[in-house]
Amino acid sequence: MNLTESIVESFPDALLVVGSDGRLRLANREAERFFGLERDRLAERTIGHLIRGGLGAGRPGSGAELTAEAIGADGDARPITLTLRPIAADDGTATLCLVREADPVGDRLREALREKELLLQEIHHRVKNNLSVVASLLYMQTTRTSDPATIATLTQGQDRIRSMAMVHETLYRTGNLAAVPFDEYAGALCRELERSHRLPGQPVRVTTRIERVAIRIEAAVPCGLIINELVTNALRHAFPAGRAGEVHVALRRVPGTPSVELEVRDDGVGPGEASGAPGGTLGLRLVESLALQVRGLFTLAAGHPGTRATLVLPLEPALA
């Protein structure tokens, strides 16, 4: 017995090679056991006598997997999974068939898992839509008042709600329901904040340098809110009187640790000079509270020039 024959005979699934005329060219030892027929009797039959609803069901591609029924020696039918792969033969194309017992429990579990994933995707989509509606309602309220303090408060609420909605939109779009691709999410959030807060003619830009890292939704929402607060504060207060500058957002892995560092820094006037500096504001208290929520270490200091805020965040072991 040569190497090829040894591999065929030792294969754990029933293996059949079927010619273009539907007749068997080859069957292994497991095929004899599976169909309850010796090889010489298998060779007398066409694939249609052995399998119902398989090869004749469509145009099998390479690796196509179908559900079908196997017809045993006693004529009884039982469900099977059939994997098909076209192969070259001397007189044309043949088909390699791998036959195994169907796993109805496993199939039901896989179907239930798929339904759950679709449901979660739909939930994320609806949460995003509902949050967007709330943000729109807050915007409508800003058009009904001329008080600057009220408008600022409502606008801050819009930003915070929008940052949460973007997490759910990212999860829905990427299909990964366990973790958020934070580089994609943070980049989109920073672009939105720059668009919505840059004053006409203000020479300030928001730049990012974010490593590819996945963060679970439990931490992604607080981290998104932290970025929202810090970037918004910098755009509003670090560059008075048309001062030019840059707000930079970075996310990097901390070498030798299962952690990442989120940094938001600007080259503006600094925390001691900015009107509305974050010393005791609601925004800073919110950032500190969110940092505790994700078990992170938050620091805020002068950046020489400007302000530098950092958050060191532990990653889940599976995502580190």
C-alpha atoms as a PDB file:
ATOM      1  CA  MET A   1       0.000   0.000   0.000  1.00  0.00           C
ATOM      2  CA  ASN A   2       1.524   3.324  -1.051  1.00  0.00           C
ATOM      3  CA  LEU A   3       1.349   6.596   0.892  1.00  0.00           C
ATOM      4  CA  THR A   4      -1.729   7.903  -0.949  1.00  0.00           C
ATOM      5  CA  GLU A   5      -3.652   4.687  -0.308  1.00  0.00           C
ATOM      6  CA  SER A   6      -2.621   4.761   3.353  1.00  0.00           C
ATOM      7  CA  ILE A   7      -3.954   8.315   3.731  1.00  0.00           C
ATOM      8  CA  VAL A   8      -7.239   7.441   2.005  1.00  0.00           C
ATOM      9  CA  GLU A   9      -7.766   4.337   4.129  1.00  0.00           C
ATOM     10  CA  SER A  10      -6.930   6.061   7.402  1.00  0.00           C
ATOM     11  CA  PHE A  11      -9.213   9.039   6.730  1.00  0.00           C
ATOM     12  CA  PRO A  12     -11.783   9.319   9.572  1.00  0.00           C
ATOM     13  CA  ASP A  13     -14.706  10.226   7.277  1.00  0.00           C
ATOM     14  CA  ALA A  14     -16.304   8.135   4.569  1.00  0.00           C
ATOM     15  CA  LEU A  15     -14.520   9.134   1.370  1.00  0.00           C
ATOM     16  CA  LEU A  16     -15.927   8.665  -2.128  1.00  0.00           C
ATOM     17  CA  VAL A  17     -14.663   9.736  -5.527  1.00  0.00           C
ATOM     18  CA  VAL A  18     -17.500  10.109  -8.041  1.00  0.00           C
ATOM     19  CA  GLY A  19     -17.036  10.401 -11.796  1.00  0.00           C
ATOM     20  CA  SER A  20     -18.992  12.735 -14.059  1.00  0.00           C
ATOM     21  CA  ASP A  21     -21.289   9.799 -14.867  1.00  0.00           C
ATOM     22  CA  GLY A  22     -22.252   9.469 -11.198  1.00  0.00           C
ATOM     23  CA  ARG A  23     -20.452   6.132 -10.685  1.00  0.00           C
ATOM     24  CA  LEU A  24     -18.011   5.539  -7.857  1.00  0.00           C
ATOM     25  CA  ARG A  25     -14.332   5.567  -8.732  1.00  0.00           C
ATOM     26  CA  LEU A  26     -13.027   5.050  -5.218  1.00  0.00           C
ATOM     27  CA  ALA A  27     -14.279   4.329  -1.709  1.00  0.00           C
ATOM     28  CA  ASN A  28     -12.290   3.943   1.505  1.00  0.00           C
ATOM     29  CA  ARG A  29     -12.697   1.525   4.407  1.00  0.00           C
ATOM     30  CA  GLU A  30     -14.796   4.004   6.383  1.00  0.00           C
ATOM     31  CA  ALA A  31     -17.229   4.268   3.417  1.00  0.00           C
ATOM     32  CA  GLU A  32     -17.787   0.493   3.615  1.00  0.00           C
ATOM     33  CA  ARG A  33     -18.650   0.776   7.291  1.00  0.00           C
ATOM     34  CA  PHE A  34     -20.746   3.920   6.819  1.00  0.00           C
ATOM     35  CA  PHE A  35     -22.993   2.499   4.068  1.00  0.00           C
ATOM     36  CA  GLY A  36     -22.864  -1.124   5.262  1.00  0.00           C
ATOM     37  CA  LEU A  37     -21.647  -2.366   1.858  1.00  0.00           C
ATOM     38  CA  GLU A  38     -18.387  -3.887   0.748  1.00  0.00           C
ATOM     39  CA  ARG A  39     -16.404  -2.078  -1.899  1.00  0.00           C
ATOM     40  CA  ASP A  40     -17.344  -4.323  -4.777  1.00  0.00           C
ATOM     41  CA  ARG A  41     -21.021  -3.726  -4.005  1.00  0.00           C
ATOM     42  CA  LEU A  42     -20.437   0.011  -3.604  1.00  0.00           C
ATOM     43  CA  ALA A  43     -18.839   0.038  -7.045  1.00  0.00           C
ATOM     44  CA  GLU A  44     -22.036  -1.392  -8.509  1.00  0.00           C
ATOM     45  CA  ARG A  45     -24.054   1.620  -7.396  1.00  0.00           C
ATOM     46  CA  THR A  46     -24.222   5.240  -8.515  1.00  0.00           C
ATOM     47  CA  ILE A  47     -23.993   8.101  -6.064  1.00  0.00           C
ATOM     48  CA  GLY A  48     -27.746   8.583  -6.447  1.00  0.00           C
ATOM     49  CA  HIS A  49     -28.300   5.102  -4.935  1.00  0.00           C
ATOM     50  CA  LEU A  50     -26.210   6.027  -1.885  1.00  0.00           C
ATOM     51  CA  ILE A  51     -26.959   9.692  -1.247  1.00  0.00           C
ATOM     52  CA  ARG A  52     -30.206  11.576  -1.704  1.00  0.00           C
ATOM     53  CA  GLY A  53     -30.201  15.366  -2.132  1.00  0.00           C
ATOM     54  CA  GLY A  54     -26.434  15.826  -2.385  1.00  0.00           C
ATOM     55  CA  LEU A  55     -24.599  15.945  -5.690  1.00  0.00           C
ATOM     56  CA  GLY A  56     -27.736  16.524  -7.690  1.00  0.00           C
ATOM     57  CA  ALA A  57     -28.891  19.408  -5.498  1.00  0.00           C
ATOM     58  CA  GLY A  58     -26.966  22.202  -7.220  1.00  0.00           C
ATOM     59  CA  ARG A  59     -23.556  23.335  -8.413  1.00  0.00           C
ATOM     60  CA  PRO A  60     -21.112  22.304  -5.692  1.00  0.00           C
ATOM     61  CA  GLY A  61     -18.093  24.555  -5.439  1.00  0.00           C
ATOM     62  CA  SER A  62     -14.758  23.778  -3.889  1.00  0.00           C
ATOM     63  CA  GLY A  63     -15.380  22.969  -0.243  1.00  0.00           C
ATOM     64  CA  ALA A  64     -19.171  23.247  -0.571  1.00  0.00           C
ATOM     65  CA  GLU A  65     -20.961  21.666   2.390  1.00  0.00           C
ATOM     66  CA  LEU A  66     -24.469  20.316   1.975  1.00  0.00           C
ATOM     67  CA  THR A  67     -27.022  18.478   4.049  1.00  0.00           C
ATOM     68  CA  ALA A  68     -28.320  15.282   2.497  1.00  0.00           C
ATOM     69  CA  GLU A  69     -29.469  11.755   3.349  1.00  0.00           C
ATOM     70  CA  ALA A  70     -27.466   8.539   3.157  1.00  0.00           C
ATOM     71  CA  ILE A  71     -29.261   5.377   2.007  1.00  0.00           C
ATOM     72  CA  GLY A  72     -28.006   2.346   3.911  1.00  0.00           C
ATOM     73  CA  ALA A  73     -27.885  -1.263   2.800  1.00  0.00           C
ATOM     74  CA  ASP A  74     -31.271  -1.820   4.440  1.00  0.00           C
ATOM     75  CA  GLY A  75     -32.808   1.121   2.573  1.00  0.00           C
ATOM     76  CA  ASP A  76     -33.113   3.341   5.644  1.00  0.00           C
ATOM     77  CA  ALA A  77     -32.205   7.027   5.228  1.00  0.00           C
ATOM     78  CA  ARG A  78     -30.316   9.054   7.797  1.00  0.00           C
ATOM     79  CA  PRO A  79     -29.186  12.729   7.751  1.00  0.00           C
ATOM     80  CA  ILE A  80     -25.595  13.433   6.766  1.00  0.00           C
ATOM     81  CA  THR A  81     -23.258  16.343   6.089  1.00  0.00           C
ATOM     82  CA  LEU A  82     -21.644  16.150   2.681  1.00  0.00           C
ATOM     83  CA  THR A  83     -18.491  18.113   1.744  1.00  0.00           C
ATOM     84  CA  LEU A  84     -17.751  18.287  -1.978  1.00  0.00           C
ATOM     85  CA  ARG A  85     -14.583  19.240  -3.816  1.00  0.00           C
ATOM     86  CA  PRO A  86     -14.055  18.997  -7.607  1.00  0.00           C
ATOM     87  CA  ILE A  87     -10.818  17.203  -8.594  1.00  0.00           C
ATOM     88  CA  ALA A  88      -9.117  16.527 -11.917  1.00  0.00           C
ATOM     89  CA  ALA A  89      -9.470  13.030 -13.399  1.00  0.00           C
ATOM     90  CA  ASP A  90      -8.005  11.359 -16.484  1.00  0.00           C
ATOM     91  CA  ASP A  91     -11.313  11.597 -18.335  1.00  0.00           C
ATOM     92  CA  GLY A  92     -12.539  14.910 -16.997  1.00  0.00           C
ATOM     93  CA  THR A  93     -13.624  16.228 -13.648  1.00  0.00           C
ATOM     94  CA  ALA A  94     -14.556  14.021 -10.725  1.00  0.00           C
ATOM     95  CA  THR A  95     -15.902  14.962  -7.328  1.00  0.00           C
ATOM     96  CA  LEU A  96     -14.377  14.109  -3.983  1.00  0.00           C
ATOM     97  CA  CYS A  97     -17.112  13.504  -1.384  1.00  0.00           C
ATOM     98  CA  LEU A  98     -16.548  13.465   2.359  1.00  0.00           C
ATOM     99  CA  VAL A  99     -19.523  12.013   4.214  1.00  0.00           C
ATOM    100  CA  ARG A 100     -20.183  12.263   7.931  1.00  0.00           C
ATOM    101  CA  GLU A 101     -23.141  11.842  10.226  1.00  0.00           C
ATOM    102  CA  ALA A 102     -25.161  15.025  10.669  1.00  0.00           C
ATOM    103  CA  ASP A 103     -24.928  16.675  14.067  1.00  0.00           C
ATOM    104  CA  PRO A 104     -28.491  17.889  14.687  1.00  0.00           C
ATOM    105  CA  VAL A 105     -27.680  19.179  18.182  1.00  0.00           C
ATOM    106  CA  GLY A 106     -24.605  21.019  16.949  1.00  0.00           C
ATOM    107  CA  ASP A 107     -26.550  22.403  13.991  1.00  0.00           C
ATOM    108  CA  ARG A 108     -29.262  23.698  16.298  1.00  0.00           C
ATOM    109  CA  LEU A 109     -26.664  25.270  18.596  1.00  0.00           C
ATOM    110  CA  ARG A 110     -24.921  26.955  15.675  1.00  0.00           C
ATOM    111  CA  GLU A 111     -28.239  28.250  14.368  1.00  0.00           C
ATOM    112  CA  ALA A 112     -29.192  29.519  17.833  1.00  0.00           C
ATOM    113  CA  LEU A 113     -25.811  31.250  18.132  1.00  0.00           C
ATOM    114  CA  ARG A 114     -26.266  32.877  14.747  1.00  0.00           C
ATOM    115  CA  GLU A 115     -29.741  34.072  15.718  1.00  0.00           C
ATOM    116  CA  LYS A 116     -28.323  35.501  18.948  1.00  0.00           C
ATOM    117  CA  GLU A 117     -25.600  37.348  17.042  1.00  0.00           C
ATOM    118  CA  LEU A 118     -28.153  38.820  14.645  1.00  0.00           C
ATOM    119  CA  LEU A 119     -30.335  39.860  17.583  1.00  0.00           C
ATOM    120  CA  LEU A 120     -27.410  41.563  19.327  1.00  0.00           C
ATOM    121  CA  GLN A 121     -26.473  43.353  16.118  1.00  0.00           C
ATOM    122  CA  GLU A 122     -30.024  44.592  15.790  1.00  0.00           C
ATOM    123  CA  ILE A 123     -30.030  45.716  19.441  1.00  0.00           C
ATOM    124  CA  HIS A 124     -26.814  47.698  18.925  1.00  0.00           C
ATOM    125  CA  HIS A 125     -28.316  49.273  15.802  1.00  0.00           C
ATOM    126  CA  ARG A 126     -31.488  50.260  17.627  1.00  0.00           C
ATOM    127  CA  VAL A 127     -29.580  51.617  20.642  1.00  0.00           C
ATOM    128  CA  LYS A 128     -27.493  53.729  18.262  1.00  0.00           C
ATOM    129  CA  ASN A 129     -30.644  55.015  16.540  1.00  0.00           C
ATOM    130  CA  ASN A 130     -32.354  55.817  19.832  1.00  0.00           C
ATOM    131  CA  LEU A 131     -29.299  57.688  21.130  1.00  0.00           C
ATOM    132  CA  SER A 132     -29.161  59.629  17.865  1.00  0.00           C
ATOM    133  CA  VAL A 133     -32.797  60.635  18.367  1.00  0.00           C
ATOM    134  CA  VAL A 134     -32.004  61.906  21.875  1.00  0.00           C
ATOM    135  CA  ALA A 135     -29.031  63.901  20.511  1.00  0.00           C
ATOM    136  CA  SER A 136     -31.322  65.400  17.855  1.00  0.00           C
ATOM    137  CA  LEU A 137     -33.870  66.389  20.501  1.00  0.00           C
ATOM    138  CA  LEU A 138     -31.137  68.164  22.479  1.00  0.00           C
ATOM    139  CA  TYR A 139     -30.086  69.990  19.321  1.00  0.00           C
ATOM    140  CA  MET A 140     -33.666  71.104  18.760  1.00  0.00           C
ATOM    141  CA  GLN A 141     -33.684  72.503  22.288  1.00  0.00           C
ATOM    142  CA  THR A 142     -30.590  74.610  21.508  1.00  0.00           C
ATOM    143  CA  THR A 143     -32.547  76.318  18.727  1.00  0.00           C
ATOM    144  CA  ARG A 144     -35.244  77.390  21.200  1.00  0.00           C
ATOM    145  CA  THR A 145     -32.982  79.385  23.522  1.00  0.00           C
ATOM    146  CA  SER A 146     -30.488  82.213  23.196  1.00  0.00           C
ATOM    147  CA  ASP A 147     -28.841  81.712  26.591  1.00  0.00           C
ATOM    148  CA  PRO A 148     -25.148  80.796  25.982  1.00  0.00           C
ATOM    149  CA  ALA A 149     -24.837  78.714  29.159  1.00  0.00           C
ATOM    150  CA  THR A 150     -27.930  76.670  28.296  1.00  0.00           C
ATOM    151  CA  ILE A 151     -26.744  76.137  24.731  1.00  0.00           C
ATOM    152  CA  ALA A 152     -23.308  75.010  25.977  1.00  0.00           C
ATOM    153  CA  THR A 153     -24.877  72.529  28.405  1.00  0.00           C
ATOM    154  CA  LEU A 154     -27.159  71.068  25.761  1.00  0.00           C
ATOM    155  CA  THR A 155     -24.302  70.831  23.268  1.00  0.00           C
ATOM    156  CA  GLN A 156     -22.170  68.965  25.801  1.00  0.00           C
ATOM    157  CA  GLY A 157     -25.033  66.539  26.294  1.00  0.00           C
ATOM    158  CA  GLN A 158     -25.222  65.997  22.522  1.00  0.00           C
ATOM    159  CA  ASP A 159     -21.502  65.231  22.353  1.00  0.00           C
ATOM    160  CA  ARG A 160     -21.648  62.707  25.182  1.00  0.00           C
ATOM    161  CA  ILE A 161     -24.654  60.920  23.721  1.00  0.00           C
ATOM    162  CA  ARG A 162     -23.099  60.939  20.242  1.00  0.00           C
ATOM    163  CA  SER A 163     -19.882  59.342  21.555  1.00  0.00           C
ATOM    164  CA  MET A 164     -21.929  56.488  23.081  1.00  0.00           C
ATOM    165  CA  ALA A 165     -23.975  56.060  19.907  1.00  0.00           C
ATOM    166  CA  MET A 166     -20.787  55.717  17.856  1.00  0.00           C
ATOM    167  CA  VAL A 167     -19.663  52.725  19.961  1.00  0.00           C
ATOM    168  CA  HIS A 168     -22.865  50.860  19.116  1.00  0.00           C
ATOM    169  CA  GLU A 169     -22.611  51.900  15.463  1.00  0.00           C
ATOM    170  CA  THR A 170     -19.032  50.544  15.301  1.00  0.00           C
ATOM    171  CA  LEU A 171     -20.072  47.242  16.859  1.00  0.00           C
ATOM    172  CA  TYR A 172     -22.986  46.915  14.442  1.00  0.00           C
ATOM    173  CA  ARG A 173     -20.880  47.753  11.400  1.00  0.00           C
ATOM    174  CA  THR A 174     -17.892  45.514  12.201  1.00  0.00           C
ATOM    175  CA  GLY A 175     -19.964  42.547  13.377  1.00  0.00           C
ATOM    176  CA  ASN A 176     -17.665  41.954  16.363  1.00  0.00           C
ATOM    177  CA  LEU A 177     -20.088  42.052  19.280  1.00  0.00           C
ATOM    178  CA  ALA A 178     -17.516  41.362  21.995  1.00  0.00           C
ATOM    179  CA  ALA A 179     -15.018  44.167  21.466  1.00  0.00           C
ATOM    180  CA  VAL A 180     -14.720  47.522  19.724  1.00  0.00           C
ATOM    181  CA  PRO A 181     -11.878  48.144  17.218  1.00  0.00           C
ATOM    182  CA  PHE A 182     -10.827  51.217  19.145  1.00  0.00           C
ATOM    183  CA  ASP A 183      -8.562  52.698  16.488  1.00  0.00           C
ATOM    184  CA  GLU A 184     -11.512  52.942  14.097  1.00  0.00           C
ATOM    185  CA  TYR A 185     -13.896  54.237  16.739  1.00  0.00           C
ATOM    186  CA  ALA A 186     -11.562  56.811  18.300  1.00  0.00           C
ATOM    187  CA  GLY A 187     -10.505  58.154  14.925  1.00  0.00           C
ATOM    188  CA  ALA A 188     -14.132  58.677  13.868  1.00  0.00           C
ATOM    189  CA  LEU A 189     -14.978  60.289  17.215  1.00  0.00           C
ATOM    190  CA  CYS A 190     -12.080  62.756  16.996  1.00  0.00           C
ATOM    191  CA  ARG A 191     -13.031  63.749  13.448  1.00  0.00           C
ATOM    192  CA  GLU A 192     -16.598  64.376  14.572  1.00  0.00           C
ATOM    193  CA  LEU A 193     -15.466  66.483  17.546  1.00  0.00           C
ATOM    194  CA  GLU A 194     -13.150  68.553  15.335  1.00  0.00           C
ATOM    195  CA  ARG A 195     -15.964  69.108  12.851  1.00  0.00           C
ATOM    196  CA  SER A 196     -18.536  70.126  15.437  1.00  0.00           C
ATOM    197  CA  HIS A 197     -16.334  72.341  17.687  1.00  0.00           C
ATOM    198  CA  ARG A 198     -13.863  74.081  15.412  1.00  0.00           C
ATOM    199  CA  LEU A 199     -14.792  77.737  15.102  1.00  0.00           C
ATOM    200  CA  PRO A 200     -14.741  79.369  11.652  1.00  0.00           C
ATOM    201  CA  GLY A 201     -11.203  80.445  10.865  1.00  0.00           C
ATOM    202  CA  GLN A 202      -9.766  78.800  13.996  1.00  0.00           C
ATOM    203  CA  PRO A 203      -6.373  77.272  13.034  1.00  0.00           C
ATOM    204  CA  VAL A 204      -6.624  74.308  15.391  1.00  0.00           C
ATOM    205  CA  ARG A 205      -6.540  70.691  14.240  1.00  0.00           C
ATOM    206  CA  VAL A 206      -7.114  67.342  15.938  1.00  0.00           C
ATOM    207  CA  THR A 207      -4.599  64.610  15.124  1.00  0.00           C
ATOM    208  CA  THR A 208      -4.518  60.963  16.168  1.00  0.00           C
ATOM    209  CA  ARG A 209      -1.941  58.204  16.510  1.00  0.00           C
ATOM    210  CA  ILE A 210      -3.836  55.131  17.660  1.00  0.00           C
ATOM    211  CA  GLU A 211      -2.516  51.582  17.662  1.00  0.00           C
ATOM    212  CA  ARG A 212      -4.782  48.777  16.511  1.00  0.00           C
ATOM    213  CA  VAL A 213      -6.360  47.445  19.682  1.00  0.00           C
ATOM    214  CA  ALA A 214      -9.728  45.946  20.584  1.00  0.00           C
ATOM    215  CA  ILE A 215     -11.456  47.094  23.772  1.00  0.00           C
ATOM    216  CA  ARG A 216     -14.526  45.479  25.263  1.00  0.00           C
ATOM    217  CA  ILE A 217     -17.705  47.526  25.108  1.00  0.00           C
ATOM    218  CA  GLU A 218     -17.758  47.830  28.921  1.00  0.00           C
ATOM    219  CA  ALA A 219     -14.563  49.895  28.681  1.00  0.00           C
ATOM    220  CA  ALA A 220     -15.031  51.377  25.199  1.00  0.00           C
ATOM    221  CA  VAL A 221     -18.016  53.533  26.159  1.00  0.00           C
ATOM    222  CA  PRO A 222     -16.263  55.145  29.183  1.00  0.00           C
ATOM    223  CA  CYS A 223     -13.062  55.624  27.157  1.00  0.00           C
ATOM    224  CA  GLY A 224     -15.032  57.267  24.373  1.00  0.00           C
ATOM    225  CA  LEU A 225     -16.630  59.624  26.878  1.00  0.00           C
ATOM    226  CA  ILE A 226     -13.193  60.449  28.317  1.00  0.00           C
ATOM    227  CA  ILE A 227     -11.870  61.321  24.851  1.00  0.00           C
ATOM    228  CA  ASN A 228     -14.985  63.414  24.260  1.00  0.00           C
ATOM    229  CA  GLU A 229     -14.511  65.412  27.466  1.00  0.00           C
ATOM    230  CA  LEU A 230     -10.772  66.006  27.068  1.00  0.00           C
ATOM    231  CA  VAL A 231     -10.813  66.896  23.371  1.00  0.00           C
ATOM    232  CA  THR A 232     -13.866  69.132  23.737  1.00  0.00           C
ATOM    233  CA  ASN A 233     -12.314  70.937  26.700  1.00  0.00           C
ATOM    234  CA  ALA A 234      -9.094  71.535  24.772  1.00  0.00           C
ATOM    235  CA  LEU A 235     -10.901  72.853  21.691  1.00  0.00           C
ATOM    236  CA  ARG A 236     -13.011  75.208  23.797  1.00  0.00           C
ATOM    237  CA  HIS A 237     -10.485  76.564  26.267  1.00  0.00           C
ATOM    238  CA  ALA A 238      -6.879  75.920  25.226  1.00  0.00           C
ATOM    239  CA  PHE A 239      -6.786  78.236  22.208  1.00  0.00           C
ATOM    240  CA  PRO A 240      -8.362  81.606  23.027  1.00  0.00           C
ATOM    241  CA  ALA A 241      -8.480  84.579  20.671  1.00  0.00           C
ATOM    242  CA  GLY A 242      -7.880  82.572  17.504  1.00  0.00           C
ATOM    243  CA  ARG A 243      -4.654  81.020  18.762  1.00  0.00           C
ATOM    244  CA  ALA A 244      -3.300  78.268  16.466  1.00  0.00           C
ATOM    245  CA  GLY A 245      -2.483  74.815  17.770  1.00  0.00           C
ATOM    246  CA  GLU A 246      -3.062  71.098  17.850  1.00  0.00           C
ATOM    247  CA  VAL A 247      -4.930  68.597  19.975  1.00  0.00           C
ATOM    248  CA  HIS A 248      -3.312  65.177  19.728  1.00  0.00           C
ATOM    249  CA  VAL A 249      -4.940  61.890  20.755  1.00  0.00           C
ATOM    250  CA  ALA A 250      -2.753  58.791  21.084  1.00  0.00           C
ATOM    251  CA  LEU A 251      -3.360  55.234  22.198  1.00  0.00           C
ATOM    252  CA  ARG A 252      -0.431  52.876  22.650  1.00  0.00           C
ATOM    253  CA  ARG A 253       0.314  49.614  24.383  1.00  0.00           C
ATOM    254  CA  VAL A 254       2.423  49.916  27.522  1.00  0.00           C
ATOM    255  CA  PRO A 255       5.517  47.738  26.909  1.00  0.00           C
ATOM    256  CA  GLY A 256       5.756  44.698  29.168  1.00  0.00           C
ATOM    257  CA  THR A 257       2.249  45.086  30.593  1.00  0.00           C
ATOM    258  CA  PRO A 258      -1.282  44.036  29.559  1.00  0.00           C
ATOM    259  CA  SER A 259      -2.305  47.711  29.474  1.00  0.00           C
ATOM    260  CA  VAL A 260      -2.772  50.589  27.071  1.00  0.00           C
ATOM    261  CA  GLU A 261      -2.160  54.294  27.589  1.00  0.00           C
ATOM    262  CA  LEU A 262      -4.607  56.847  26.242  1.00  0.00           C
ATOM    263  CA  GLU A 263      -3.132  60.335  25.905  1.00  0.00           C
ATOM    264  CA  VAL A 264      -4.816  63.616  25.016  1.00  0.00           C
ATOM    265  CA  ARG A 265      -2.476  66.596  24.855  1.00  0.00           C
ATOM    266  CA  ASP A 266      -2.615  70.075  23.418  1.00  0.00           C
ATOM    267  CA  ASP A 267      -0.106  72.867  22.856  1.00  0.00           C
ATOM    268  CA  GLY A 268      -2.465  75.594  24.048  1.00  0.00           C
ATOM    269  CA  VAL A 269      -2.220  78.054  26.924  1.00  0.00           C
ATOM    270  CA  GLY A 270      -2.108  75.397  29.647  1.00  0.00           C
ATOM    271  CA  PRO A 271      -4.366  74.612  32.620  1.00  0.00           C
ATOM    272  CA  GLY A 272      -3.237  77.619  34.638  1.00  0.00           C
ATOM    273  CA  GLU A 273      -4.119  80.190  31.986  1.00  0.00           C
ATOM    274  CA  ALA A 274      -7.164  78.834  30.166  1.00  0.00           C
ATOM    275  CA  SER A 275     -10.514  80.326  31.017  1.00  0.00           C
ATOM    276  CA  GLY A 276     -12.720  77.442  31.950  1.00  0.00           C
ATOM    277  CA  ALA A 277      -9.656  75.274  32.708  1.00  0.00           C
ATOM    278  CA  PRO A 278     -10.674  71.808  33.841  1.00  0.00           C
ATOM    279  CA  GLY A 279      -9.557  72.194  37.448  1.00  0.00           C
ATOM    280  CA  GLY A 280     -12.894  71.461  39.142  1.00  0.00           C
ATOM    281  CA  THR A 281     -15.362  71.252  36.299  1.00  0.00           C
ATOM    282  CA  LEU A 282     -18.100  68.709  35.801  1.00  0.00           C
ATOM    283  CA  GLY A 283     -16.159  67.399  32.802  1.00  0.00           C
ATOM    284  CA  LEU A 284     -13.083  66.604  34.876  1.00  0.00           C
ATOM    285  CA  ARG A 285     -15.146  64.997  37.639  1.00  0.00           C
ATOM    286  CA  LEU A 286     -16.835  62.879  34.968  1.00  0.00           C
ATOM    287  CA  VAL A 287     -13.452  61.834  33.547  1.00  0.00           C
ATOM    288  CA  GLU A 288     -12.152  60.845  36.977  1.00  0.00           C
ATOM    289  CA  SER A 289     -15.318  58.857  37.690  1.00  0.00           C
ATOM    290  CA  LEU A 290     -15.117  57.059  34.334  1.00  0.00           C
ATOM    291  CA  ALA A 291     -11.444  56.252  34.923  1.00  0.00           C
ATOM    292  CA  LEU A 292     -12.347  54.543  38.193  1.00  0.00           C
ATOM    293  CA  GLN A 293     -15.132  52.662  36.418  1.00  0.00           C
ATOM    294  CA  VAL A 294     -12.630  51.025  34.016  1.00  0.00           C
ATOM    295  CA  ARG A 295      -9.980  50.537  36.760  1.00  0.00           C
ATOM    296  CA  GLY A 296      -7.726  53.041  35.021  1.00  0.00           C
ATOM    297  CA  LEU A 297      -5.150  55.521  36.342  1.00  0.00           C
ATOM    298  CA  PHE A 298      -5.876  59.090  35.214  1.00  0.00           C
ATOM    299  CA  THR A 299      -3.431  62.000  35.443  1.00  0.00           C
ATOM    300  CA  LEU A 300      -3.659  65.618  34.301  1.00  0.00           C
ATOM    301  CA  ALA A 301      -0.628  67.905  34.159  1.00  0.00           C
ATOM    302  CA  ALA A 302       0.913  70.845  32.345  1.00  0.00           C
ATOM    303  CA  GLY A 303       2.367  69.752  29.034  1.00  0.00           C
ATOM    304  CA  HIS A 304       4.961  72.541  28.484  1.00  0.00           C
ATOM    305  CA  PRO A 305       3.267  73.917  26.490  1.00  0.00           C
ATOM    306  CA  GLY A 306      -0.378  73.148  26.977  1.00  0.00           C
ATOM    307  CA  THR A 307      -1.986  70.321  28.903  1.00  0.00           C
ATOM    308  CA  ARG A 308      -1.356  66.573  28.927  1.00  0.00           C
ATOM    309  CA  ALA A 309      -3.939  64.074  30.176  1.00  0.00           C
ATOM    310  CA  THR A 310      -3.268  60.324  30.317  1.00  0.00           C
ATOM    311  CA  LEU A 311      -5.284  57.254  31.205  1.00  0.00           C
ATOM    312  CA  VAL A 312      -3.554  53.890  31.728  1.00  0.00           C
ATOM    313  CA  LEU A 313      -6.144  51.200  31.143  1.00  0.00           C
ATOM    314  CA  PRO A 314      -5.766  47.452  31.845  1.00  0.00           C
ATOM    315  CA  LEU A 315      -6.900  45.231  28.995  1.00  0.00           C
ATOM    316  CA  GLU A 316      -8.800  41.983  29.345  1.00  0.00           C
ATOM    317  CA  PRO A 317      -6.319  39.056  29.062  1.00  0.00           C
ATOM    318  CA  ALA A 318      -7.933  37.816  25.840  1.00  0.00           C
ATOM    319  CA  LEU A 319      -7.465  41.229  24.201  1.00  0.00           C
ATOM    320  CA  ALA A 320      -4.004  42.110  25.522  1.00  0.00           C
END
